[in-house]
């Protein structure tokens, strides 16, 4: 018996909306990265883009735990000599809140051509509205981290 490799026409890319309001950034990013890579599907293949499209709304309301709001630094390079620019998470949130979610998800995707293609299926918006209503995205809730409960 051989392993089934899905053809390009067999892969279905669904659309999901994740509301980032009061969500922890890392938990939100892992959920989005899992959807983008397609690891939640039985047809997951590591070398094919079987993932779905993800829309994140309310990125300006995402929650950082601990002292990360003032301690976490975001770096970028301008391309000129000595062009390293750093900013705190609070400064990035004030200027461009979408970057918090984008950088967190990008770091969880593969560092290959396929990972860059997966990242293009991530749409992040700072407010409630997004222009993707025609795709009929399904709402997805991220499980809030909490105390583990044991069932007897």
Protein backbone atom coordinates (compact mmCIF):
# COMPACT_ATOMS: atom_id res chain seq x y z
CA UNK A 1 0.00 0.00 0.00
CA UNK A 2 1.43 3.37 -0.99
CA UNK A 3 1.06 6.76 0.67
CA UNK A 4 -1.51 9.06 -0.92
CA UNK A 5 -0.04 12.36 -2.10
CA UNK A 6 -2.81 14.92 -2.78
CA UNK A 7 -2.84 16.51 -6.22
CA UNK A 8 -3.12 20.28 -6.64
CA UNK A 9 -6.81 20.02 -7.57
CA UNK A 10 -7.66 17.90 -4.52
CA UNK A 11 -6.36 20.42 -1.95
CA UNK A 12 -9.11 22.61 -0.48
CA UNK A 13 -8.02 25.88 1.14
CA UNK A 14 -10.64 27.01 3.68
CA UNK A 15 -10.84 30.49 5.22
CA UNK A 16 -10.86 31.11 8.98
CA UNK A 17 -11.29 34.26 11.07
CA UNK A 18 -9.57 34.50 14.44
CA UNK A 19 -10.51 37.30 16.83
CA UNK A 20 -7.35 38.38 18.68
CA UNK A 21 -9.19 40.43 21.31
CA UNK A 22 -7.73 39.52 24.75
CA UNK A 23 -5.87 36.52 23.33
CA UNK A 24 -2.29 35.69 24.32
CA UNK A 25 -0.01 36.37 21.36
CA UNK A 26 1.86 33.04 21.45
CA UNK A 27 -1.29 30.92 21.71
CA UNK A 28 -2.87 32.85 18.85
CA UNK A 29 0.26 32.53 16.70
CA UNK A 30 0.54 28.76 17.19
CA UNK A 31 -3.10 28.30 16.21
CA UNK A 32 -2.64 30.44 13.09
CA UNK A 33 0.62 28.71 12.11
CA UNK A 34 -1.00 25.29 12.49
CA UNK A 35 -3.85 26.33 10.18
CA UNK A 36 -1.46 27.87 7.63
CA UNK A 37 0.71 24.76 7.44
CA UNK A 38 -2.29 22.41 7.22
CA UNK A 39 -1.22 20.17 10.11
CA UNK A 40 -4.84 19.93 11.27
CA UNK A 41 -5.85 18.09 8.07
CA UNK A 42 -5.53 14.37 7.36
CA UNK A 43 -4.13 15.26 3.92
CA UNK A 44 -1.13 17.11 5.45
CA UNK A 45 2.02 16.67 3.40
CA UNK A 46 5.21 18.41 4.57
CA UNK A 47 6.35 19.44 1.08
CA UNK A 48 2.97 20.72 -0.21
CA UNK A 49 0.94 23.78 0.73
CA UNK A 50 -2.16 22.07 2.15
CA UNK A 51 -2.91 24.84 4.65
CA UNK A 52 -5.80 27.26 4.90
CA UNK A 53 -6.17 31.03 4.75
CA UNK A 54 -6.25 32.80 8.13
CA UNK A 55 -7.70 36.25 8.86
CA UNK A 56 -6.77 37.78 12.22
CA UNK A 57 -8.88 40.73 13.37
CA UNK A 58 -8.40 43.04 16.38
CA UNK A 59 -4.62 42.61 16.27
CA UNK A 60 -4.29 45.83 18.25
CA UNK A 61 -6.01 44.12 21.21
CA UNK A 62 -3.69 41.09 21.46
CA UNK A 63 -2.30 40.43 24.94
CA UNK A 64 1.38 40.08 25.86
CA UNK A 65 2.14 38.29 29.13
CA UNK A 66 4.61 39.36 31.78
CA UNK A 67 6.77 42.41 31.10
CA UNK A 68 6.98 41.85 27.36
CA UNK A 69 5.12 45.07 26.52
CA UNK A 70 8.19 47.08 27.60
CA UNK A 71 10.93 44.42 27.50
CA UNK A 72 10.39 42.68 24.16
CA UNK A 73 12.29 44.23 21.24
CA UNK A 74 11.52 44.04 17.54
CA UNK A 75 14.43 44.50 15.14
CA UNK A 76 14.49 45.39 11.48
CA UNK A 77 17.27 46.33 9.05
CA UNK A 78 16.98 49.25 6.66
CA UNK A 79 19.51 47.85 4.20
CA UNK A 80 22.08 50.59 4.79
CA UNK A 81 25.29 50.18 6.80
CA UNK A 82 24.50 50.54 10.49
CA UNK A 83 20.79 50.41 9.67
CA UNK A 84 19.61 48.17 12.52
CA UNK A 85 16.46 49.69 14.03
CA UNK A 86 14.95 48.42 17.28
CA UNK A 87 11.60 49.18 18.88
CA UNK A 88 9.79 47.97 22.01
CA UNK A 89 6.57 46.03 21.69
CA UNK A 90 4.59 49.02 22.99
CA UNK A 91 6.07 51.25 20.26
CA UNK A 92 5.33 48.67 17.56
CA UNK A 93 1.75 48.30 18.86
CA UNK A 94 1.25 52.07 18.67
CA UNK A 95 2.68 52.42 15.16
CA UNK A 96 1.71 49.16 13.42
CA UNK A 97 -0.11 46.62 15.64
CA UNK A 98 -0.40 44.02 12.85
CA UNK A 99 3.36 43.46 13.00
CA UNK A 100 3.13 41.83 16.45
CA UNK A 101 1.01 38.99 15.09
CA UNK A 102 2.79 38.78 11.73
CA UNK A 103 6.24 38.39 13.28
CA UNK A 104 5.04 35.81 15.80
CA UNK A 105 3.41 33.66 13.09
CA UNK A 106 6.28 34.09 10.62
CA UNK A 107 8.71 32.72 13.22
CA UNK A 108 6.61 29.55 13.54
CA UNK A 109 6.50 28.78 9.82
CA UNK A 110 9.20 26.94 7.82
CA UNK A 111 12.10 29.12 6.66
CA UNK A 112 11.75 28.03 3.01
CA UNK A 113 9.95 29.04 -0.18
CA UNK A 114 6.98 27.01 1.03
CA UNK A 115 6.95 28.87 4.35
CA UNK A 116 6.92 32.21 2.54
CA UNK A 117 3.99 31.02 0.41
CA UNK A 118 2.15 29.95 3.57
CA UNK A 119 2.76 33.36 5.14
CA UNK A 120 1.07 35.08 2.19
CA UNK A 121 -2.18 33.36 3.23
CA UNK A 122 -2.16 35.23 6.56
CA UNK A 123 -4.19 38.46 6.62
CA UNK A 124 -3.90 40.59 9.77
CA UNK A 125 -6.06 43.64 10.55
CA UNK A 126 -5.90 45.99 13.50
CA UNK A 127 -9.64 46.56 13.77
CA UNK A 128 -12.91 44.61 13.53
CA UNK A 129 -13.36 44.90 9.77
CA UNK A 130 -11.77 42.90 6.97
CA UNK A 131 -12.43 42.82 3.20
CA UNK A 132 -12.74 39.03 2.88
CA UNK A 133 -16.48 38.50 3.47
CA UNK A 134 -16.90 37.09 -0.06
CA UNK A 135 -14.79 34.05 0.90
CA UNK A 136 -17.29 33.18 3.68
CA UNK A 137 -14.67 32.64 6.42
CA UNK A 138 -15.54 30.50 9.42
CA UNK A 139 -15.07 31.95 12.89
CA UNK A 140 -12.51 30.11 14.99
CA UNK A 141 -12.01 30.48 18.73
CA UNK A 142 -8.62 30.09 20.33
CA UNK A 143 -8.68 28.14 23.57
CA UNK A 144 -7.51 30.39 26.39
CA UNK A 145 -4.66 28.93 28.41
CA UNK A 146 -5.71 27.91 31.86
CA UNK A 147 -5.38 25.36 34.54
CA UNK A 148 -5.51 21.79 33.27
CA UNK A 149 -8.47 19.86 34.59
CA UNK A 150 -8.39 16.16 35.30
CA UNK A 151 -11.35 13.94 34.67
CA UNK A 152 -11.75 10.84 36.73
